N, C-alpha and C. Protein backbone atom coordinates (compact mmCIF):
# COMPACT_ATOMS: atom_id res chain seq x y z
N MET A 1 -38.73 -69.91 -25.72
CA MET A 1 -37.94 -69.36 -24.68
C MET A 1 -36.81 -68.53 -25.27
N THR A 2 -36.16 -69.04 -26.28
CA THR A 2 -35.11 -68.28 -26.94
C THR A 2 -35.68 -67.05 -27.62
N LEU A 3 -36.89 -67.19 -28.12
CA LEU A 3 -37.53 -66.05 -28.77
C LEU A 3 -37.77 -64.94 -27.74
N ILE A 4 -38.18 -65.28 -26.56
CA ILE A 4 -38.43 -64.29 -25.51
C ILE A 4 -37.11 -63.67 -25.06
N SER A 5 -36.09 -64.48 -24.90
CA SER A 5 -34.80 -63.95 -24.47
C SER A 5 -34.20 -63.06 -25.56
N ASP A 6 -34.38 -63.44 -26.86
CA ASP A 6 -33.90 -62.59 -27.95
C ASP A 6 -34.67 -61.26 -27.96
N GLY A 7 -35.96 -61.30 -27.73
CA GLY A 7 -36.78 -60.08 -27.69
C GLY A 7 -36.35 -59.17 -26.56
N LEU A 8 -36.10 -59.74 -25.37
CA LEU A 8 -35.64 -58.94 -24.24
C LEU A 8 -34.26 -58.35 -24.50
N LEU A 9 -33.41 -59.10 -25.17
CA LEU A 9 -32.07 -58.62 -25.51
C LEU A 9 -32.16 -57.45 -26.48
N ILE A 10 -33.05 -57.54 -27.47
CA ILE A 10 -33.24 -56.46 -28.45
C ILE A 10 -33.80 -55.23 -27.75
N ILE A 11 -34.77 -55.41 -26.86
CA ILE A 11 -35.36 -54.28 -26.13
C ILE A 11 -34.30 -53.63 -25.25
N GLY A 12 -33.46 -54.40 -24.60
CA GLY A 12 -32.37 -53.86 -23.77
C GLY A 12 -31.37 -53.09 -24.60
N ALA A 13 -31.04 -53.61 -25.79
CA ALA A 13 -30.09 -52.93 -26.67
C ALA A 13 -30.67 -51.61 -27.16
N LEU A 14 -31.97 -51.60 -27.52
CA LEU A 14 -32.62 -50.36 -27.96
C LEU A 14 -32.67 -49.34 -26.82
N ALA A 15 -32.95 -49.79 -25.60
CA ALA A 15 -32.98 -48.89 -24.45
C ALA A 15 -31.59 -48.31 -24.20
N ALA A 16 -30.56 -49.13 -24.31
CA ALA A 16 -29.19 -48.66 -24.11
C ALA A 16 -28.80 -47.65 -25.19
N SER A 17 -29.20 -47.92 -26.45
CA SER A 17 -28.86 -46.98 -27.53
C SER A 17 -29.61 -45.66 -27.35
N LEU A 18 -30.87 -45.71 -26.91
CA LEU A 18 -31.63 -44.49 -26.64
C LEU A 18 -30.97 -43.72 -25.50
N TYR A 19 -30.54 -44.42 -24.48
CA TYR A 19 -29.87 -43.78 -23.34
C TYR A 19 -28.57 -43.11 -23.80
N CYS A 20 -27.80 -43.79 -24.64
CA CYS A 20 -26.55 -43.22 -25.18
C CYS A 20 -26.83 -41.99 -26.03
N PHE A 21 -27.90 -42.02 -26.82
CA PHE A 21 -28.27 -40.88 -27.66
C PHE A 21 -28.62 -39.67 -26.79
N VAL A 22 -29.39 -39.89 -25.73
CA VAL A 22 -29.75 -38.80 -24.82
C VAL A 22 -28.50 -38.26 -24.13
N LEU A 23 -27.61 -39.13 -23.68
CA LEU A 23 -26.38 -38.69 -23.03
C LEU A 23 -25.49 -37.90 -23.98
N ALA A 24 -25.43 -38.32 -25.24
CA ALA A 24 -24.62 -37.61 -26.24
C ALA A 24 -25.15 -36.19 -26.43
N GLY A 25 -26.48 -36.04 -26.49
CA GLY A 25 -27.06 -34.70 -26.62
C GLY A 25 -26.75 -33.82 -25.42
N ARG A 26 -26.87 -34.39 -24.22
CA ARG A 26 -26.57 -33.63 -23.01
C ARG A 26 -25.10 -33.24 -22.95
N LEU A 27 -24.24 -34.15 -23.34
CA LEU A 27 -22.80 -33.87 -23.33
C LEU A 27 -22.45 -32.79 -24.35
N LYS A 28 -23.10 -32.81 -25.50
CA LYS A 28 -22.86 -31.80 -26.53
C LYS A 28 -23.28 -30.43 -26.02
N ARG A 29 -24.43 -30.35 -25.35
CA ARG A 29 -24.88 -29.07 -24.80
C ARG A 29 -23.97 -28.61 -23.66
N LEU A 30 -23.48 -29.56 -22.89
CA LEU A 30 -22.61 -29.23 -21.76
C LEU A 30 -21.28 -28.66 -22.24
N MET A 31 -20.76 -29.19 -23.32
CA MET A 31 -19.44 -28.78 -23.81
C MET A 31 -19.50 -27.65 -24.82
N ALA A 32 -20.67 -27.09 -25.10
CA ALA A 32 -20.78 -25.98 -26.05
C ALA A 32 -19.98 -24.79 -25.52
N LEU A 33 -19.22 -24.11 -26.39
CA LEU A 33 -18.35 -23.02 -25.97
C LEU A 33 -19.11 -21.74 -25.67
N ASP A 34 -20.27 -21.56 -26.26
CA ASP A 34 -21.00 -20.32 -26.03
C ASP A 34 -21.83 -20.37 -24.75
N ARG A 35 -22.15 -21.57 -24.27
CA ARG A 35 -22.89 -21.72 -23.02
C ARG A 35 -22.53 -23.08 -22.41
N GLY A 36 -22.85 -23.26 -21.19
CA GLY A 36 -22.57 -24.54 -20.55
C GLY A 36 -21.20 -24.57 -19.91
N LEU A 37 -20.70 -25.78 -19.74
CA LEU A 37 -19.42 -25.98 -19.06
C LEU A 37 -18.26 -25.42 -19.87
N GLY A 38 -18.33 -25.52 -21.19
CA GLY A 38 -17.26 -24.98 -22.04
C GLY A 38 -17.11 -23.48 -21.85
N ALA A 39 -18.25 -22.78 -21.78
CA ALA A 39 -18.21 -21.33 -21.56
C ALA A 39 -17.65 -21.02 -20.18
N SER A 40 -18.02 -21.83 -19.21
CA SER A 40 -17.50 -21.62 -17.85
C SER A 40 -15.99 -21.82 -17.81
N ILE A 41 -15.52 -22.86 -18.49
CA ILE A 41 -14.08 -23.13 -18.52
C ILE A 41 -13.34 -22.00 -19.23
N ALA A 42 -13.90 -21.53 -20.35
CA ALA A 42 -13.26 -20.43 -21.08
C ALA A 42 -13.23 -19.16 -20.23
N GLY A 43 -14.33 -18.88 -19.53
CA GLY A 43 -14.37 -17.71 -18.65
C GLY A 43 -13.37 -17.81 -17.52
N LEU A 44 -13.28 -18.98 -16.92
CA LEU A 44 -12.31 -19.18 -15.84
C LEU A 44 -10.88 -19.04 -16.35
N SER A 45 -10.63 -19.51 -17.56
CA SER A 45 -9.30 -19.38 -18.14
C SER A 45 -8.93 -17.91 -18.33
N ARG A 46 -9.89 -17.11 -18.80
CA ARG A 46 -9.64 -15.67 -18.96
C ARG A 46 -9.38 -15.01 -17.60
N GLN A 47 -10.16 -15.40 -16.62
CA GLN A 47 -9.98 -14.82 -15.29
C GLN A 47 -8.62 -15.19 -14.70
N VAL A 48 -8.17 -16.40 -14.95
CA VAL A 48 -6.85 -16.81 -14.46
C VAL A 48 -5.76 -15.97 -15.12
N ASP A 49 -5.88 -15.72 -16.43
CA ASP A 49 -4.90 -14.88 -17.12
C ASP A 49 -4.89 -13.47 -16.54
N GLU A 50 -6.07 -12.92 -16.29
CA GLU A 50 -6.16 -11.58 -15.72
C GLU A 50 -5.56 -11.54 -14.32
N MET A 51 -5.80 -12.59 -13.55
CA MET A 51 -5.24 -12.65 -12.20
C MET A 51 -3.72 -12.73 -12.23
N HIS A 52 -3.17 -13.46 -13.21
CA HIS A 52 -1.71 -13.53 -13.34
C HIS A 52 -1.14 -12.14 -13.65
N LYS A 53 -1.79 -11.40 -14.55
CA LYS A 53 -1.33 -10.05 -14.87
C LYS A 53 -1.44 -9.14 -13.65
N SER A 54 -2.55 -9.23 -12.96
CA SER A 54 -2.76 -8.41 -11.77
C SER A 54 -1.73 -8.75 -10.69
N LEU A 55 -1.44 -10.01 -10.53
CA LEU A 55 -0.45 -10.44 -9.54
C LEU A 55 0.94 -9.92 -9.90
N ALA A 56 1.27 -9.94 -11.17
CA ALA A 56 2.58 -9.42 -11.60
C ALA A 56 2.68 -7.92 -11.31
N MET A 57 1.62 -7.18 -11.60
CA MET A 57 1.63 -5.74 -11.32
C MET A 57 1.72 -5.48 -9.81
N THR A 58 1.03 -6.30 -9.03
CA THR A 58 1.07 -6.14 -7.58
C THR A 58 2.46 -6.43 -7.04
N ARG A 59 3.11 -7.45 -7.57
CA ARG A 59 4.47 -7.76 -7.14
C ARG A 59 5.42 -6.62 -7.46
N THR A 60 5.26 -6.03 -8.64
CA THR A 60 6.10 -4.90 -9.02
C THR A 60 5.89 -3.73 -8.07
N ALA A 61 4.62 -3.42 -7.81
CA ALA A 61 4.31 -2.31 -6.91
C ALA A 61 4.82 -2.59 -5.49
N ALA A 62 4.70 -3.82 -5.04
CA ALA A 62 5.18 -4.18 -3.70
C ALA A 62 6.69 -4.06 -3.62
N GLY A 63 7.38 -4.43 -4.69
CA GLY A 63 8.84 -4.29 -4.71
C GLY A 63 9.26 -2.83 -4.63
N GLU A 64 8.58 -1.98 -5.40
CA GLU A 64 8.88 -0.55 -5.35
C GLU A 64 8.59 0.02 -3.96
N SER A 65 7.47 -0.36 -3.39
CA SER A 65 7.11 0.12 -2.06
C SER A 65 8.13 -0.36 -1.03
N SER A 66 8.60 -1.57 -1.18
CA SER A 66 9.59 -2.11 -0.26
C SER A 66 10.89 -1.33 -0.34
N ARG A 67 11.32 -1.00 -1.55
CA ARG A 67 12.54 -0.21 -1.71
C ARG A 67 12.37 1.18 -1.11
N ASP A 68 11.22 1.81 -1.36
CA ASP A 68 10.96 3.14 -0.79
C ASP A 68 10.94 3.08 0.73
N LEU A 69 10.32 2.06 1.26
CA LEU A 69 10.25 1.91 2.71
C LEU A 69 11.64 1.69 3.31
N ALA A 70 12.48 0.94 2.62
CA ALA A 70 13.85 0.72 3.11
C ALA A 70 14.63 2.04 3.14
N LYS A 71 14.47 2.85 2.09
CA LYS A 71 15.14 4.16 2.06
C LYS A 71 14.65 5.04 3.20
N LEU A 72 13.33 5.09 3.39
CA LEU A 72 12.77 5.93 4.45
C LEU A 72 13.19 5.43 5.83
N THR A 73 13.30 4.13 5.98
CA THR A 73 13.72 3.57 7.27
C THR A 73 15.17 3.95 7.56
N SER A 74 16.02 3.88 6.56
CA SER A 74 17.42 4.25 6.78
C SER A 74 17.53 5.74 7.12
N ARG A 75 16.74 6.57 6.45
CA ARG A 75 16.75 8.00 6.77
C ARG A 75 16.25 8.24 8.19
N ALA A 76 15.23 7.48 8.59
CA ALA A 76 14.68 7.63 9.94
C ALA A 76 15.71 7.20 10.99
N GLU A 77 16.47 6.14 10.69
CA GLU A 77 17.50 5.69 11.63
C GLU A 77 18.59 6.75 11.78
N ILE A 78 18.96 7.39 10.68
CA ILE A 78 19.97 8.46 10.75
C ILE A 78 19.43 9.62 11.58
N ALA A 79 18.17 9.99 11.33
CA ALA A 79 17.56 11.08 12.09
C ALA A 79 17.45 10.73 13.57
N ALA A 80 17.15 9.48 13.87
CA ALA A 80 17.06 9.05 15.28
C ALA A 80 18.42 9.16 15.95
N GLY A 81 19.48 8.80 15.23
CA GLY A 81 20.83 8.94 15.78
C GLY A 81 21.16 10.39 16.08
N ARG A 82 20.78 11.28 15.17
CA ARG A 82 21.02 12.71 15.39
C ARG A 82 20.25 13.21 16.60
N LEU A 83 18.99 12.77 16.71
CA LEU A 83 18.18 13.19 17.85
C LEU A 83 18.78 12.69 19.17
N GLU A 84 19.28 11.46 19.18
CA GLU A 84 19.92 10.94 20.39
C GLU A 84 21.15 11.78 20.75
N LEU A 85 21.92 12.18 19.74
CA LEU A 85 23.08 13.01 19.99
C LEU A 85 22.67 14.37 20.55
N LEU A 86 21.62 14.95 19.97
CA LEU A 86 21.13 16.24 20.47
C LEU A 86 20.62 16.12 21.90
N LEU A 87 19.91 15.04 22.19
CA LEU A 87 19.42 14.85 23.56
C LEU A 87 20.58 14.68 24.54
N ALA A 88 21.62 13.98 24.11
CA ALA A 88 22.79 13.81 24.98
C ALA A 88 23.44 15.15 25.27
N THR A 89 23.55 16.01 24.27
CA THR A 89 24.15 17.33 24.50
C THR A 89 23.25 18.18 25.38
N VAL A 90 21.95 18.05 25.24
CA VAL A 90 21.04 18.82 26.10
C VAL A 90 21.19 18.37 27.54
N HIS A 91 21.30 17.07 27.76
CA HIS A 91 21.48 16.56 29.13
C HIS A 91 22.81 17.03 29.71
N GLU A 92 23.85 17.10 28.89
CA GLU A 92 25.14 17.58 29.36
C GLU A 92 25.07 19.06 29.73
N ARG A 93 24.35 19.83 28.95
CA ARG A 93 24.23 21.26 29.23
C ARG A 93 23.41 21.50 30.49
N LYS A 94 22.44 20.67 30.75
CA LYS A 94 21.65 20.83 31.97
C LYS A 94 22.49 20.54 33.20
N ALA A 95 23.47 19.67 33.07
CA ALA A 95 24.29 19.29 34.21
C ALA A 95 25.21 20.43 34.64
N THR A 96 25.70 21.25 33.71
CA THR A 96 26.59 22.35 34.06
C THR A 96 25.75 23.58 34.38
N PRO A 97 26.05 24.26 35.50
CA PRO A 97 25.26 25.45 35.83
C PRO A 97 25.59 26.58 34.86
N VAL A 98 24.60 27.27 34.49
CA VAL A 98 24.75 28.39 33.56
C VAL A 98 24.52 29.67 34.34
N ALA A 99 25.40 30.65 34.14
CA ALA A 99 25.25 31.93 34.83
C ALA A 99 24.01 32.64 34.32
N LYS A 100 23.32 33.28 35.26
CA LYS A 100 22.12 34.01 34.86
C LYS A 100 22.53 35.28 34.15
N PRO A 101 21.79 35.66 33.12
CA PRO A 101 22.16 36.89 32.41
C PRO A 101 21.97 38.12 33.31
N VAL A 102 22.88 39.05 33.15
CA VAL A 102 22.82 40.29 33.93
C VAL A 102 21.82 41.22 33.25
N PRO A 103 20.86 41.72 33.99
CA PRO A 103 19.90 42.62 33.35
C PRO A 103 20.57 43.91 32.92
N ALA A 104 20.11 44.48 31.86
CA ALA A 104 20.66 45.73 31.34
C ALA A 104 20.28 46.86 32.29
N PRO A 105 21.19 47.81 32.47
CA PRO A 105 20.86 48.92 33.38
C PRO A 105 19.72 49.75 32.81
N ARG A 106 18.89 50.18 33.71
CA ARG A 106 17.74 50.99 33.27
C ARG A 106 18.20 52.42 33.04
N ILE A 107 17.82 52.92 31.91
CA ILE A 107 18.16 54.30 31.57
C ILE A 107 16.88 55.10 31.59
N ASP A 108 16.96 56.22 32.24
CA ASP A 108 15.78 57.08 32.30
C ASP A 108 15.65 57.78 30.95
N PRO A 109 14.53 57.64 30.26
CA PRO A 109 14.39 58.27 28.95
C PRO A 109 14.43 59.79 29.02
N ARG A 110 14.05 60.36 30.15
CA ARG A 110 14.07 61.83 30.25
C ARG A 110 15.50 62.34 30.29
N ALA A 111 16.34 61.61 31.00
CA ALA A 111 17.74 62.04 31.08
C ALA A 111 18.39 61.94 29.71
N GLU A 112 18.07 60.90 29.00
CA GLU A 112 18.62 60.74 27.65
C GLU A 112 18.12 61.84 26.72
N LEU A 113 16.86 62.22 26.87
CA LEU A 113 16.28 63.28 26.04
C LEU A 113 16.93 64.62 26.37
N LEU A 114 17.17 64.89 27.66
CA LEU A 114 17.82 66.14 28.06
C LEU A 114 19.24 66.21 27.50
N GLN A 115 19.92 65.08 27.53
CA GLN A 115 21.29 65.04 27.00
C GLN A 115 21.27 65.32 25.50
N SER A 116 20.30 64.77 24.78
CA SER A 116 20.20 65.00 23.34
C SER A 116 19.91 66.46 23.05
N LEU A 117 19.06 67.07 23.84
CA LEU A 117 18.74 68.50 23.65
C LEU A 117 19.96 69.38 23.91
N ARG A 118 20.74 69.03 24.91
CA ARG A 118 21.96 69.78 25.21
C ARG A 118 22.94 69.68 24.05
N ASP A 119 23.04 68.48 23.48
CA ASP A 119 23.94 68.29 22.35
C ASP A 119 23.50 69.13 21.16
N VAL A 120 22.21 69.22 20.93
CA VAL A 120 21.68 70.02 19.82
C VAL A 120 21.95 71.50 20.08
N LYS A 121 21.77 71.93 21.33
CA LYS A 121 21.98 73.33 21.68
C LYS A 121 23.44 73.71 21.47
N ARG A 122 24.37 72.85 21.85
CA ARG A 122 25.79 73.11 21.65
C ARG A 122 26.14 73.18 20.18
N ALA A 123 25.49 72.32 19.40
CA ALA A 123 25.78 72.30 17.97
C ALA A 123 25.29 73.57 17.30
N MET A 124 24.27 74.21 17.84
CA MET A 124 23.73 75.42 17.23
C MET A 124 24.57 76.64 17.57
N ARG A 125 25.36 76.65 18.59
CA ARG A 125 26.16 77.80 19.00
C ARG A 125 27.31 78.00 18.11
């Protein structure tokens, strides 16, 4: 009976050692840096670094855009104030009646031409 139990114990130990050997090989392949999980982790690490750089550049660009937008907004507010002032003056001018312009007297071109000819005739005498 002890012989059978010792034999089963030895077989169990050999099976466990074989299982550990197989797991060690799988773990070694999994952690290899050129392929497997190690390569995936290294690739993800590179991508995280690139994303940090990209994020920093984006923050810089957003800050510059924000400053430009603030300047343009202040200029637009000044222009809006000027437009409101101009509209107020236009409304004030509409309220006061404006005299209609007097049309220029019509001059007959023939009479003017005759007068010019008379002047030339006098100058020649």
